[in-house]
Amino acid sequence: MSPDAQQRIGFIGAGNMAFGIAKGMLSGNVLPANIKVSAPSSTNLGRFQELGISVTHSNPEVVCGSDVVFVAVKPHMIPRVLVEVSQHITKKQIIVSVAAGVTLAMLEELLPENSIVIRLMPNLPCLVQEGALLFALGTNAKGEDGALLLGLLHCCGLVEEVPEAWIDVHTGLSGSGVAFVYLFAEALAEGAVKMGMPSALAHSIASQTVLGAGKLLRDSGKHPAQLRAEVCTPGGTTIYGLHTLEQGGVRASVMSAVESATQRARELGRK
């Protein structure tokens, strides 16, 4: 059994991100008995219990029984939660924050001196082990702490260590980006419905189209523009459709959406 499998893992917060990360870990080599989750209400705790994970309403209980603590609460809750558990945190524990926009400097200020802090940004497809997760190490976090986190998260999807400045960009590109892709998939399906295809079939084809295109893009290693060119026959259907998309300003809108979401992540952090 690898060393990361024996780590005791705690989650403060039981939302989709905590659930996605926990599911990813379980598909790796972490046992449900080594995970504990806390949340103020029981609403989201049932699905953790179904996986064999123990649950509680006490944040200090989670911190006291864990080697690695994921703080997976909304950004505005961070100060309150960290102040509540601060006295229970030791210098050996790794504190991993999943809160959008909250910087390592802020986290380190709220936690006891010399605490090991890592800032992580996952996204919703962690739920199906196809997430994109970036993390940045705090002042006291060492390479081996990053390696340990990587070992725990590798089954969640693509995981990489980056400079902290890229985390907010990742929030806009991938954290929020999945919703942009859903909007596009929805529009694809609506276009097919408009042209006479039944709705259920249109939505099922749209989701498969997005999945297939993404898989081919990732696995081929080609630039998206190259794959796009390969679909475009001179004078064919695709170039006509692409022309319409360009007239609608899709490219500029998507770039601006990533920019807006990134700026908002930065604002959340400042608050």
Protein backbone atom coordinates (compact mmCIF):
# COMPACT_ATOMS: atom_id res chain seq x y z
CA MET A 1 0.00 0.00 0.00
CA SER A 2 1.42 3.43 -0.96
CA PRO A 3 2.11 6.01 1.77
CA ASP A 4 -0.65 8.36 0.51
CA ALA A 5 -3.23 5.57 0.91
CA GLN A 6 -2.60 5.51 4.66
CA GLN A 7 -3.12 9.25 5.11
CA ARG A 8 -6.20 10.26 7.09
CA ILE A 9 -8.19 12.70 4.98
CA GLY A 10 -10.65 15.28 6.26
CA PHE A 11 -13.11 17.50 4.38
CA ILE A 12 -14.66 20.63 5.84
CA GLY A 13 -17.62 21.23 3.54
CA ALA A 14 -19.65 18.61 1.70
CA GLY A 15 -20.48 20.26 -1.63
CA ASN A 16 -19.82 18.99 -5.16
CA MET A 17 -16.08 19.75 -5.06
CA ALA A 18 -15.54 17.82 -1.83
CA PHE A 19 -17.66 14.95 -3.17
CA GLY A 20 -15.83 14.89 -6.52
CA ILE A 21 -12.39 14.87 -4.89
CA ALA A 22 -13.45 12.16 -2.38
CA LYS A 23 -14.84 9.97 -5.19
CA GLY A 24 -11.61 10.38 -7.15
CA MET A 25 -9.53 9.38 -4.14
CA LEU A 26 -11.66 6.29 -3.54
CA SER A 27 -11.16 5.21 -7.16
CA GLY A 28 -7.43 5.39 -6.36
CA ASN A 29 -6.13 3.63 -3.26
CA VAL A 30 -7.65 5.62 -0.37
CA LEU A 31 -10.04 3.64 1.85
CA PRO A 32 -13.41 5.14 2.89
CA ALA A 33 -12.48 4.42 6.53
CA ASN A 34 -9.62 6.95 6.20
CA ILE A 35 -11.92 9.83 5.17
CA LYS A 36 -14.14 12.01 7.37
CA VAL A 37 -16.42 14.87 6.25
CA SER A 38 -18.06 17.69 8.19
CA ALA A 39 -20.88 20.05 7.20
CA PRO A 40 -23.30 22.15 9.28
CA SER A 41 -26.41 20.42 7.87
CA SER A 42 -27.03 16.82 6.87
CA THR A 43 -28.29 17.75 3.38
CA ASN A 44 -25.15 16.72 1.47
CA LEU A 45 -23.76 14.16 3.90
CA GLY A 46 -25.89 11.19 2.80
CA ARG A 47 -24.02 10.63 -0.45
CA PHE A 48 -20.71 10.47 1.47
CA GLN A 49 -22.21 7.90 3.87
CA GLU A 50 -23.30 5.80 0.89
CA LEU A 51 -19.61 5.55 -0.06
CA GLY A 52 -18.75 4.33 3.45
CA ILE A 53 -17.27 7.69 4.55
CA SER A 54 -17.93 8.81 8.14
CA VAL A 55 -19.59 12.20 8.66
CA THR A 56 -19.93 14.75 11.47
CA HIS A 57 -21.19 18.30 12.12
CA SER A 58 -17.98 19.21 13.93
CA ASN A 59 -15.14 20.88 11.98
CA PRO A 60 -12.63 20.54 14.88
CA GLU A 61 -13.36 16.79 14.96
CA VAL A 62 -12.37 16.51 11.28
CA VAL A 63 -9.18 18.54 11.80
CA CYS A 64 -8.11 16.59 14.91
CA GLY A 65 -8.45 13.25 13.10
CA SER A 66 -6.77 14.13 9.79
CA ASP A 67 -3.30 14.39 8.24
CA VAL A 68 -4.60 16.27 5.20
CA VAL A 69 -7.55 18.66 5.56
CA PHE A 70 -9.46 19.92 2.51
CA VAL A 71 -11.25 23.17 3.27
CA ALA A 72 -14.00 23.05 0.65
CA VAL A 73 -16.28 25.92 1.68
CA LYS A 74 -17.40 29.09 -0.14
CA PRO A 75 -14.78 31.89 -0.15
CA HIS A 76 -16.72 34.14 2.29
CA MET A 77 -16.84 31.29 4.84
CA ILE A 78 -13.05 30.79 4.92
CA PRO A 79 -12.18 33.28 7.72
CA ARG A 80 -14.88 31.94 10.06
CA VAL A 81 -14.01 28.29 9.44
CA LEU A 82 -10.25 28.75 9.81
CA VAL A 83 -10.59 30.79 13.01
CA GLU A 84 -12.82 28.02 14.44
CA VAL A 85 -10.29 25.22 13.76
CA SER A 86 -7.01 27.15 14.07
CA GLN A 87 -6.15 25.98 17.59
CA HIS A 88 -6.43 22.33 16.48
CA ILE A 89 -4.05 22.62 13.51
CA THR A 90 -0.54 21.22 13.90
CA LYS A 91 2.64 21.94 11.93
CA LYS A 92 2.54 18.41 10.47
CA GLN A 93 -0.89 18.69 8.86
CA ILE A 94 -1.42 19.79 5.25
CA ILE A 95 -4.25 22.28 4.82
CA VAL A 96 -5.64 22.31 1.27
CA SER A 97 -7.97 25.20 0.39
CA VAL A 98 -10.42 24.77 -2.47
CA ALA A 99 -11.97 28.27 -2.12
CA ALA A 100 -12.02 30.31 -5.33
CA GLY A 101 -9.95 33.49 -5.23
CA VAL A 102 -8.65 33.08 -1.66
CA THR A 103 -4.87 33.54 -1.86
CA LEU A 104 -2.15 31.60 -0.08
CA ALA A 105 -1.12 34.83 1.69
CA MET A 106 -4.64 35.23 3.13
CA LEU A 107 -4.81 31.59 4.18
CA GLU A 108 -1.41 31.77 5.86
CA GLU A 109 -2.46 34.92 7.71
CA LEU A 110 -5.58 33.20 9.09
CA LEU A 111 -3.77 29.98 10.10
CA PRO A 112 -1.18 29.39 12.86
CA GLU A 113 2.40 30.33 12.02
CA ASN A 114 4.35 27.83 9.88
CA SER A 115 1.19 25.97 8.78
CA ILE A 116 1.57 23.92 5.59
CA VAL A 117 -0.92 25.33 3.09
CA ILE A 118 -1.73 24.34 -0.49
CA ARG A 119 -4.24 26.13 -2.71
CA LEU A 120 -6.19 23.83 -5.05
CA MET A 121 -8.67 24.53 -7.82
CA PRO A 122 -10.59 21.49 -9.09
CA ASN A 123 -13.63 21.42 -11.40
CA LEU A 124 -16.93 19.54 -11.54
CA PRO A 125 -15.83 16.64 -13.84
CA CYS A 126 -13.84 15.34 -10.84
CA LEU A 127 -17.17 13.59 -10.17
CA VAL A 128 -16.41 11.25 -13.09
CA GLN A 129 -12.62 11.22 -12.63
CA GLU A 130 -12.10 13.56 -15.60
CA GLY A 131 -11.32 16.73 -13.66
CA ALA A 132 -8.70 19.38 -14.33
CA LEU A 133 -7.00 20.35 -11.05
CA LEU A 134 -4.21 22.86 -10.49
CA PHE A 135 -2.51 23.53 -7.17
CA ALA A 136 0.05 25.98 -5.78
CA LEU A 137 2.27 25.45 -2.72
CA GLY A 138 2.32 27.88 0.20
CA THR A 139 5.45 29.27 1.87
CA ASN A 140 5.94 26.31 4.21
CA ALA A 141 4.85 23.57 1.82
CA LYS A 142 7.67 21.46 0.42
CA GLY A 143 8.00 19.39 -2.74
CA GLU A 144 7.07 16.22 -0.85
CA ASP A 145 3.78 17.83 0.31
CA GLY A 146 2.92 18.55 -3.32
CA ALA A 147 3.91 14.99 -4.27
CA LEU A 148 1.65 13.63 -1.51
CA LEU A 149 -1.31 15.70 -2.78
CA LEU A 150 -0.57 14.54 -6.34
CA GLY A 151 -0.63 10.93 -5.12
CA LEU A 152 -4.03 11.45 -3.48
CA LEU A 153 -5.57 13.26 -6.44
CA HIS A 154 -4.13 11.48 -9.49
CA CYS A 155 -7.35 9.51 -10.05
CA CYS A 156 -9.44 12.72 -10.16
CA GLY A 157 -8.14 13.63 -13.65
CA LEU A 158 -5.37 15.94 -14.85
CA VAL A 159 -3.47 17.33 -11.83
CA GLU A 160 -0.55 19.78 -12.01
CA GLU A 161 1.42 22.07 -9.73
CA VAL A 162 1.62 25.68 -11.01
CA PRO A 163 2.56 29.18 -9.85
CA GLU A 164 -0.26 30.70 -7.78
CA ALA A 165 -0.95 33.45 -10.34
CA TRP A 166 -2.38 30.82 -12.71
CA ILE A 167 -4.95 29.48 -10.22
CA ASP A 168 -7.49 32.30 -10.78
CA VAL A 169 -7.04 31.90 -14.56
CA HIS A 170 -7.72 28.19 -14.17
CA THR A 171 -10.89 29.07 -12.23
CA GLY A 172 -12.08 31.07 -15.26
CA LEU A 173 -10.86 28.59 -17.87
CA SER A 174 -11.87 25.30 -16.28
CA GLY A 175 -13.77 25.82 -13.04
CA SER A 176 -16.27 28.08 -14.84
CA GLY A 177 -15.33 26.77 -18.29
CA VAL A 178 -17.32 23.55 -17.85
CA ALA A 179 -20.49 25.69 -17.64
CA PHE A 180 -19.50 27.48 -20.87
CA VAL A 181 -19.20 24.07 -22.55
CA TYR A 182 -22.65 23.09 -21.20
CA LEU A 183 -24.12 26.27 -22.67
CA PHE A 184 -22.56 25.41 -26.03
CA ALA A 185 -23.88 21.81 -25.85
CA GLU A 186 -27.34 23.11 -25.02
CA ALA A 187 -27.24 25.48 -28.00
CA LEU A 188 -26.07 22.66 -30.32
CA ALA A 189 -29.04 20.54 -29.24
CA GLU A 190 -31.48 23.44 -29.64
CA GLY A 191 -30.21 23.99 -33.17
CA ALA A 192 -30.97 20.35 -33.99
CA VAL A 193 -34.43 20.61 -32.40
CA LYS A 194 -35.10 23.70 -34.53
CA MET A 195 -34.20 21.64 -37.61
CA GLY A 196 -36.63 18.87 -36.65
CA MET A 197 -34.76 16.37 -34.45
CA PRO A 198 -36.49 15.12 -31.24
CA SER A 199 -35.13 16.86 -28.12
CA ALA A 200 -33.95 13.76 -26.20
CA LEU A 201 -31.95 12.49 -29.19
CA ALA A 202 -30.53 15.97 -29.90
CA HIS A 203 -29.27 16.35 -26.31
CA SER A 204 -27.78 12.88 -26.29
CA ILE A 205 -25.96 13.52 -29.60
CA ALA A 206 -24.79 16.96 -28.41
CA SER A 207 -23.25 15.52 -25.23
CA GLN A 208 -21.55 12.72 -27.18
CA THR A 209 -20.24 15.30 -29.69
CA VAL A 210 -18.67 17.39 -26.90
CA LEU A 211 -17.23 14.26 -25.24
CA GLY A 212 -15.84 12.86 -28.51
CA ALA A 213 -14.38 16.19 -29.62
CA GLY A 214 -12.72 16.69 -26.22
CA LYS A 215 -11.26 13.19 -26.14
CA LEU A 216 -9.88 13.50 -29.67
CA LEU A 217 -8.42 16.92 -28.86
CA ARG A 218 -6.73 15.63 -25.70
CA ASP A 219 -5.53 12.28 -27.08
CA SER A 220 -4.33 13.47 -30.49
CA GLY A 221 -2.19 16.27 -29.00
CA LYS A 222 -3.10 18.43 -32.02
CA HIS A 223 -3.87 22.14 -31.83
CA PRO A 224 -7.67 22.74 -31.95
CA ALA A 225 -7.28 24.81 -35.12
CA GLN A 226 -5.65 21.84 -36.87
CA LEU A 227 -8.50 19.47 -35.96
CA ARG A 228 -11.02 22.11 -37.00
CA ALA A 229 -9.31 22.43 -40.40
CA GLU A 230 -9.46 18.64 -40.82
CA VAL A 231 -13.28 18.74 -40.53
CA CYS A 232 -13.62 21.58 -43.06
CA THR A 233 -14.10 20.35 -46.63
CA PRO A 234 -13.81 23.20 -49.15
CA GLY A 235 -17.31 24.50 -49.80
CA GLY A 236 -18.78 21.96 -47.34
CA THR A 237 -21.25 22.20 -44.48
CA THR A 238 -18.78 22.88 -41.66
CA ILE A 239 -17.20 26.04 -43.10
CA TYR A 240 -20.68 27.50 -43.63
CA GLY A 241 -21.54 26.81 -39.98
CA LEU A 242 -18.19 28.18 -38.76
CA HIS A 243 -18.71 31.38 -40.75
CA THR A 244 -22.03 31.87 -38.92
CA LEU A 245 -20.34 31.30 -35.55
CA GLU A 246 -17.65 33.86 -36.39
CA GLN A 247 -20.35 36.38 -37.39
CA GLY A 248 -21.91 35.81 -33.97
CA GLY A 249 -18.60 36.61 -32.30
CA VAL A 250 -18.33 33.25 -30.51
CA ARG A 251 -14.53 33.37 -30.24
CA ALA A 252 -14.42 36.86 -28.69
CA SER A 253 -17.35 36.04 -26.37
CA VAL A 254 -15.64 32.92 -25.02
CA MET A 255 -12.35 34.76 -24.47
CA SER A 256 -14.24 37.53 -22.64
CA ALA A 257 -16.12 34.95 -20.54
CA VAL A 258 -12.83 33.43 -19.32
CA GLU A 259 -11.56 36.95 -18.61
CA SER A 260 -14.72 37.92 -16.64
CA ALA A 261 -14.70 34.73 -14.58
CA THR A 262 -10.98 35.16 -13.82
CA GLN A 263 -11.50 38.79 -12.73
CA ARG A 264 -14.40 37.70 -10.53
CA ALA A 265 -12.20 35.04 -8.87
CA ARG A 266 -9.66 37.78 -8.11
CA GLU A 267 -12.39 40.01 -6.67
CA LEU A 268 -13.70 37.21 -4.44
CA GLY A 269 -10.20 36.79 -3.09
CA ARG A 270 -9.87 40.51 -2.29
CA LYS A 271 -13.16 40.46 -0.37
